[in-house]
Amino acid sequence: MPRMPHGVTVAAVAAGSWVLWASLGFHGPWQIVDAWPKYEDCVKAKSAYIDAKLKATNGHLADETDAEGAGIILGGKDAVIFRNPDGHRVVWRFACLPGTLDPRHE
């Protein structure tokens, strides 16, 4: 699970930045992945994290499962839902929010 990047403090994140948050599951806790001064940079990073999650399933769709039974159910701009080899659904959610917003307190 993503953690606060080394050397990044909550105060520094809140100071005029855009924060990429990640959550494992629909009700999982939100955690800071990283922060950028520009919204566009946060969105690019979010896309890269989603691409990485999609590649982790070897790019198989749910109806094209790999030998272990894993596959992507849904990949979008804010989330990835996939089935792991055990058949369980796994959800990764991502959000770029202003540093003054904290989804853990919503």
C-alpha atoms as a PDB file:
ATOM      1  CA  MET A   1       0.000   0.000   0.000  1.00  0.00           C
ATOM      2  CA  PRO A   2       1.359   3.470  -0.802  1.00  0.00           C
ATOM      3  CA  ARG A   3       2.780   5.471   2.106  1.00  0.00           C
ATOM      4  CA  MET A   4       3.764   9.059   2.739  1.00  0.00           C
ATOM      5  CA  PRO A   5       6.871   9.593   0.602  1.00  0.00           C
ATOM      6  CA  HIS A   6      10.122   9.869   2.523  1.00  0.00           C
ATOM      7  CA  GLY A   7      10.670  13.452   3.616  1.00  0.00           C
ATOM      8  CA  VAL A   8       7.151  14.667   2.750  1.00  0.00           C
ATOM      9  CA  THR A   9       5.320  16.100   5.727  1.00  0.00           C
ATOM     10  CA  VAL A  10       1.583  16.651   6.017  1.00  0.00           C
ATOM     11  CA  ALA A  11       2.229  20.409   6.305  1.00  0.00           C
ATOM     12  CA  ALA A  12       4.305  20.411   3.110  1.00  0.00           C
ATOM     13  CA  VAL A  13       1.620  18.468   1.258  1.00  0.00           C
ATOM     14  CA  ALA A  14      -1.072  20.919   2.310  1.00  0.00           C
ATOM     15  CA  ALA A  15       0.907  23.974   1.236  1.00  0.00           C
ATOM     16  CA  GLY A  16      -0.495  24.715  -2.230  1.00  0.00           C
ATOM     17  CA  SER A  17      -0.017  21.269  -3.725  1.00  0.00           C
ATOM     18  CA  TRP A  18      -2.043  18.549  -5.364  1.00  0.00           C
ATOM     19  CA  VAL A  19      -2.021  15.203  -3.604  1.00  0.00           C
ATOM     20  CA  LEU A  20      -2.420  11.773  -5.159  1.00  0.00           C
ATOM     21  CA  TRP A  21      -4.355   9.541  -2.784  1.00  0.00           C
ATOM     22  CA  ALA A  22      -4.816   5.769  -3.116  1.00  0.00           C
ATOM     23  CA  SER A  23      -7.192   3.363  -1.427  1.00  0.00           C
ATOM     24  CA  LEU A  24      -7.285  -0.409  -1.578  1.00  0.00           C
ATOM     25  CA  GLY A  25     -10.955  -1.379  -1.553  1.00  0.00           C
ATOM     26  CA  PHE A  26     -14.161   0.625  -1.504  1.00  0.00           C
ATOM     27  CA  HIS A  27     -13.890   1.252   2.230  1.00  0.00           C
ATOM     28  CA  GLY A  28     -10.128   0.985   2.643  1.00  0.00           C
ATOM     29  CA  PRO A  29      -8.227   3.851   4.202  1.00  0.00           C
ATOM     30  CA  TRP A  30      -6.903   6.558   1.907  1.00  0.00           C
ATOM     31  CA  GLN A  31      -3.154   7.002   1.922  1.00  0.00           C
ATOM     32  CA  ILE A  32      -0.927   9.633   0.355  1.00  0.00           C
ATOM     33  CA  VAL A  33       1.082   8.429  -2.624  1.00  0.00           C
ATOM     34  CA  ASP A  34       2.864  11.715  -3.376  1.00  0.00           C
ATOM     35  CA  ALA A  35       2.261  15.419  -4.002  1.00  0.00           C
ATOM     36  CA  TRP A  36       2.936  17.834  -6.861  1.00  0.00           C
ATOM     37  CA  PRO A  37       2.679  21.602  -7.259  1.00  0.00           C
ATOM     38  CA  LYS A  38       0.505  21.271 -10.388  1.00  0.00           C
ATOM     39  CA  TYR A  39      -2.775  19.421 -10.860  1.00  0.00           C
ATOM     40  CA  GLU A  40      -1.661  18.197 -14.294  1.00  0.00           C
ATOM     41  CA  ASP A  41       1.368  16.466 -12.757  1.00  0.00           C
ATOM     42  CA  CYS A  42      -0.836  14.717 -10.212  1.00  0.00           C
ATOM     43  CA  VAL A  43      -3.168  13.487 -12.967  1.00  0.00           C
ATOM     44  CA  LYS A  44      -0.206  12.157 -14.983  1.00  0.00           C
ATOM     45  CA  ALA A  45       1.054  10.288 -11.924  1.00  0.00           C
ATOM     46  CA  LYS A  46      -2.424   8.899 -11.256  1.00  0.00           C
ATOM     47  CA  SER A  47      -2.532   7.530 -14.810  1.00  0.00           C
ATOM     48  CA  ALA A  48       0.900   5.961 -14.315  1.00  0.00           C
ATOM     49  CA  TYR A  49      -0.215   4.245 -11.082  1.00  0.00           C
ATOM     50  CA  ILE A  50      -3.354   2.912 -12.763  1.00  0.00           C
ATOM     51  CA  ASP A  51      -1.292   1.668 -15.724  1.00  0.00           C
ATOM     52  CA  ALA A  52       1.030  -0.102 -13.267  1.00  0.00           C
ATOM     53  CA  LYS A  53      -1.933  -1.821 -11.588  1.00  0.00           C
ATOM     54  CA  LEU A  54      -3.260  -2.889 -14.995  1.00  0.00           C
ATOM     55  CA  LYS A  55       0.137  -4.264 -15.984  1.00  0.00           C
ATOM     56  CA  ALA A  56       0.306  -6.167 -12.687  1.00  0.00           C
ATOM     57  CA  THR A  57      -2.564  -8.327 -13.968  1.00  0.00           C
ATOM     58  CA  ASN A  58      -0.646  -8.925 -17.209  1.00  0.00           C
ATOM     59  CA  GLY A  59      -3.284  -6.956 -19.108  1.00  0.00           C
ATOM     60  CA  HIS A  60      -5.855  -9.755 -19.041  1.00  0.00           C
ATOM     61  CA  LEU A  61      -9.511  -8.794 -18.989  1.00  0.00           C
ATOM     62  CA  ALA A  62     -11.857 -10.670 -16.667  1.00  0.00           C
ATOM     63  CA  ASP A  63     -13.174 -12.739 -19.563  1.00  0.00           C
ATOM     64  CA  GLU A  64      -9.591 -13.372 -20.736  1.00  0.00           C
ATOM     65  CA  THR A  65      -8.092 -14.607 -17.495  1.00  0.00           C
ATOM     66  CA  ASP A  66      -4.505 -15.757 -17.348  1.00  0.00           C
ATOM     67  CA  ALA A  67      -3.413 -19.241 -16.276  1.00  0.00           C
ATOM     68  CA  GLU A  68      -3.829 -18.306 -12.605  1.00  0.00           C
ATOM     69  CA  GLY A  69      -7.372 -16.976 -13.121  1.00  0.00           C
ATOM     70  CA  ALA A  70      -6.498 -13.306 -12.630  1.00  0.00           C
ATOM     71  CA  GLY A  71      -7.974 -10.630 -14.846  1.00  0.00           C
ATOM     72  CA  ILE A  72      -9.046  -7.025 -15.091  1.00  0.00           C
ATOM     73  CA  ILE A  73     -12.742  -6.413 -14.569  1.00  0.00           C
ATOM     74  CA  LEU A  74     -12.658  -2.658 -15.040  1.00  0.00           C
ATOM     75  CA  GLY A  75      -9.862  -0.178 -15.616  1.00  0.00           C
ATOM     76  CA  GLY A  76     -10.696   3.492 -15.682  1.00  0.00           C
ATOM     77  CA  LYS A  77      -9.292   6.915 -14.988  1.00  0.00           C
ATOM     78  CA  ASP A  78      -9.929   6.724 -11.223  1.00  0.00           C
ATOM     79  CA  ALA A  79      -9.959   3.037 -10.347  1.00  0.00           C
ATOM     80  CA  VAL A  80      -8.932  -0.474 -11.278  1.00  0.00           C
ATOM     81  CA  ILE A  81     -11.044  -3.475 -10.363  1.00  0.00           C
ATOM     82  CA  PHE A  82      -9.567  -6.875 -11.034  1.00  0.00           C
ATOM     83  CA  ARG A  83     -10.006 -10.479 -10.035  1.00  0.00           C
ATOM     84  CA  ASN A  84      -6.993 -12.022  -8.343  1.00  0.00           C
ATOM     85  CA  PRO A  85      -6.014 -15.682  -8.843  1.00  0.00           C
ATOM     86  CA  ASP A  86      -8.167 -16.661  -5.835  1.00  0.00           C
ATOM     87  CA  GLY A  87     -11.221 -15.255  -7.620  1.00  0.00           C
ATOM     88  CA  HIS A  88     -11.637 -12.312  -5.233  1.00  0.00           C
ATOM     89  CA  ARG A  89     -12.234  -8.837  -6.592  1.00  0.00           C
ATOM     90  CA  VAL A  90      -9.641  -6.226  -5.733  1.00  0.00           C
ATOM     91  CA  VAL A  91     -10.302  -2.508  -6.094  1.00  0.00           C
ATOM     92  CA  TRP A  92      -7.689   0.236  -6.230  1.00  0.00           C
ATOM     93  CA  ARG A  93      -9.059   3.801  -6.175  1.00  0.00           C
ATOM     94  CA  PHE A  94      -7.043   6.936  -6.890  1.00  0.00           C
ATOM     95  CA  ALA A  95      -7.810  10.637  -6.508  1.00  0.00           C
ATOM     96  CA  CYS A  96      -5.956  13.910  -7.068  1.00  0.00           C
ATOM     97  CA  LEU A  97      -7.109  16.412  -4.482  1.00  0.00           C
ATOM     98  CA  PRO A  98      -5.947  19.851  -3.363  1.00  0.00           C
ATOM     99  CA  GLY A  99      -3.573  19.623  -0.417  1.00  0.00           C
ATOM    100  CA  THR A 100      -6.227  21.221   1.777  1.00  0.00           C
ATOM    101  CA  LEU A 101      -8.636  18.282   1.306  1.00  0.00           C
ATOM    102  CA  ASP A 102      -8.174  15.036   3.162  1.00  0.00           C
ATOM    103  CA  PRO A 103     -10.478  12.156   2.130  1.00  0.00           C
ATOM    104  CA  ARG A 104      -9.773  10.392   5.431  1.00  0.00           C
ATOM    105  CA  HIS A 105     -11.929  13.025   7.139  1.00  0.00           C
ATOM    106  CA  GLU A 106     -14.862  12.980   4.702  1.00  0.00           C
END
